[in-house]
Protein backbone atom coordinates (compact mmCIF):
# COMPACT_ATOMS: atom_id res chain seq x y z
CA MET A 1 -6.68 -6.20 -33.88
CA LYS A 2 -9.65 -7.34 -32.02
CA LYS A 3 -7.82 -10.49 -31.10
CA VAL A 4 -4.87 -8.42 -29.63
CA ILE A 5 -7.05 -6.39 -27.43
CA LEU A 6 -8.87 -9.41 -26.19
CA ILE A 7 -5.56 -11.14 -25.36
CA ALA A 8 -4.35 -8.06 -23.55
CA SER A 9 -7.68 -7.77 -21.68
CA VAL A 10 -7.46 -11.54 -20.59
CA ILE A 11 -3.84 -11.06 -19.38
CA ILE A 12 -4.53 -8.06 -17.47
CA ALA A 13 -7.84 -9.76 -15.82
CA LEU A 14 -5.87 -12.83 -14.93
CA SER A 15 -2.99 -10.90 -13.48
CA ASN A 16 -5.18 -9.18 -11.04
CA LEU A 17 -6.22 -12.47 -9.41
CA PRO A 18 -5.19 -12.95 -5.67
CA ILE A 19 -2.83 -15.70 -6.57
CA PHE A 20 -0.73 -13.50 -8.82
CA ASN A 21 -0.73 -10.61 -6.21
CA PHE A 22 0.71 -13.02 -3.54
CA PHE A 23 3.79 -13.65 -5.74
CA LEU A 24 4.26 -10.45 -7.24
CA GLN A 25 3.44 -7.91 -4.58
CA GLU A 26 6.11 -5.80 -3.16
CA ASP A 27 6.68 -4.59 0.37
CA PHE A 28 4.60 -1.57 1.21
CA ARG A 29 6.11 0.72 4.02
CA TYR A 30 4.51 3.46 5.89
CA GLN A 31 5.40 6.27 8.44
CA ASN A 32 4.07 9.33 10.16
CA PHE A 33 5.28 12.87 9.56
CA ASP A 34 8.20 12.93 11.71
CA GLY A 35 9.30 9.31 11.22
CA SER A 36 8.84 8.01 14.95
CA PHE A 37 6.22 5.38 13.46
CA LEU A 38 7.47 2.87 10.91
CA TYR A 39 5.55 0.00 9.48
CA LYS A 40 6.48 -2.59 6.86
CA GLU A 41 3.58 -4.62 5.24
CA GLU A 42 4.66 -8.06 4.33
CA PRO A 43 2.09 -10.24 2.26
CA GLY A 44 2.18 -13.79 3.61
CA LYS A 45 3.66 -12.93 7.00
CA GLY A 46 0.60 -11.59 8.59
CA LYS A 47 1.60 -8.00 8.37
CA SER A 48 -1.30 -6.36 6.45
CA PHE A 49 -2.51 -2.77 5.84
CA ILE A 50 -5.26 -3.31 8.32
CA GLY A 51 -2.70 -4.31 10.74
CA CYS A 52 -0.88 -1.20 9.98
CA ILE A 53 -3.90 1.02 10.68
CA ARG A 54 -4.40 -0.76 14.01
CA SER A 55 -0.75 -0.32 14.87
CA TYR A 56 -0.89 3.38 14.24
CA GLY A 57 -4.00 3.80 16.05
CA HIS A 58 -2.24 2.08 19.09
CA PHE A 59 0.85 4.11 18.58
CA LEU A 60 -1.36 7.42 18.80
CA CYS A 61 -3.06 6.12 21.91
CA GLU A 62 0.22 5.57 23.66
CA HIS A 63 1.85 8.69 22.44
CA PRO A 64 -0.85 11.35 22.95
CA GLU A 65 1.57 14.28 22.33
CA ARG A 66 1.82 12.90 18.65
CA ASP A 67 -1.97 13.55 18.38
CA ARG A 68 -1.15 17.34 18.03
CA GLY A 69 -0.09 18.75 14.55
CA ASP A 70 0.29 16.45 11.51
CA ASN A 71 -0.71 13.00 12.72
CA ARG A 72 -1.42 11.53 9.14
CA LEU A 73 -0.03 8.25 8.07
CA TYR A 74 2.05 8.37 4.83
CA ARG A 75 2.87 5.81 2.27
CA THR A 76 6.55 5.80 1.57
CA PHE A 77 6.31 3.53 -1.66
CA THR A 78 5.51 5.23 -5.01
CA ILE A 79 2.78 4.03 -7.41
CA LYS A 80 4.21 2.07 -10.35
CA PRO A 81 1.52 2.16 -13.07
CA TRP A 82 3.61 -0.28 -15.36
CA ARG A 83 2.95 -2.88 -12.75
CA PHE A 84 -0.56 -3.64 -14.56
CA TRP A 85 -1.20 -6.61 -12.21
CA GLN A 86 -1.79 -4.17 -9.31
CA TRP A 87 -4.15 -1.74 -11.24
CA SER A 88 -7.25 -3.10 -9.44
CA GLU A 89 -5.45 -2.45 -5.95
CA MET A 90 -4.27 1.07 -7.30
CA LEU A 91 -7.83 1.90 -7.90
CA PHE A 92 -9.73 0.38 -4.88
CA SER A 93 -7.37 0.00 -2.14
CA GLU A 94 -7.02 2.61 0.66
CA ARG A 95 -3.26 2.21 0.95
CA TYR A 96 -2.78 4.19 -2.45
CA ARG A 97 -5.08 6.89 -1.31
CA LEU A 98 -2.62 7.88 1.60
CA PRO A 99 -0.47 10.81 0.84
CA TYR A 100 2.96 10.21 -0.36
CA LYS A 101 6.19 11.08 1.68
CA GLN A 102 9.67 10.28 0.75
CA PRO A 103 11.15 7.59 3.07
CA GLY A 104 13.54 8.97 5.83
CA ASN A 105 12.34 12.68 5.50
C-alpha cells in the first residue's frame, strides 16, 4: 500500500512540472460581465494571464463607461479537478480565483 501511495505521489508531483503543463494545458477564456471584452489565453503563443489583466485594464481605460457597474473580469472555463496535473495551478494561480461566468451570457 505504501508503494502505491508513493508511486501516485511521484506521478502527481512530476505531472505538475512546467514541461507537462505546456503540452497539456487548455486554452483559458475570459470576459467581462456584458461580453464586450473577450480574451483567450494561449500557452506558447505569448497570450498569458498577465497579458489578459493588462489588456482588460487597457480596455477599461479606453471605455470609461464600462468602469461603472460590474467591471470584474470573469473566467469562462470550468475547474476540472480530475486534471490532477493542474492542481498546483488550481491552488495558487490567480486565474482560478476569478468568478465563473458561463460563456456567451
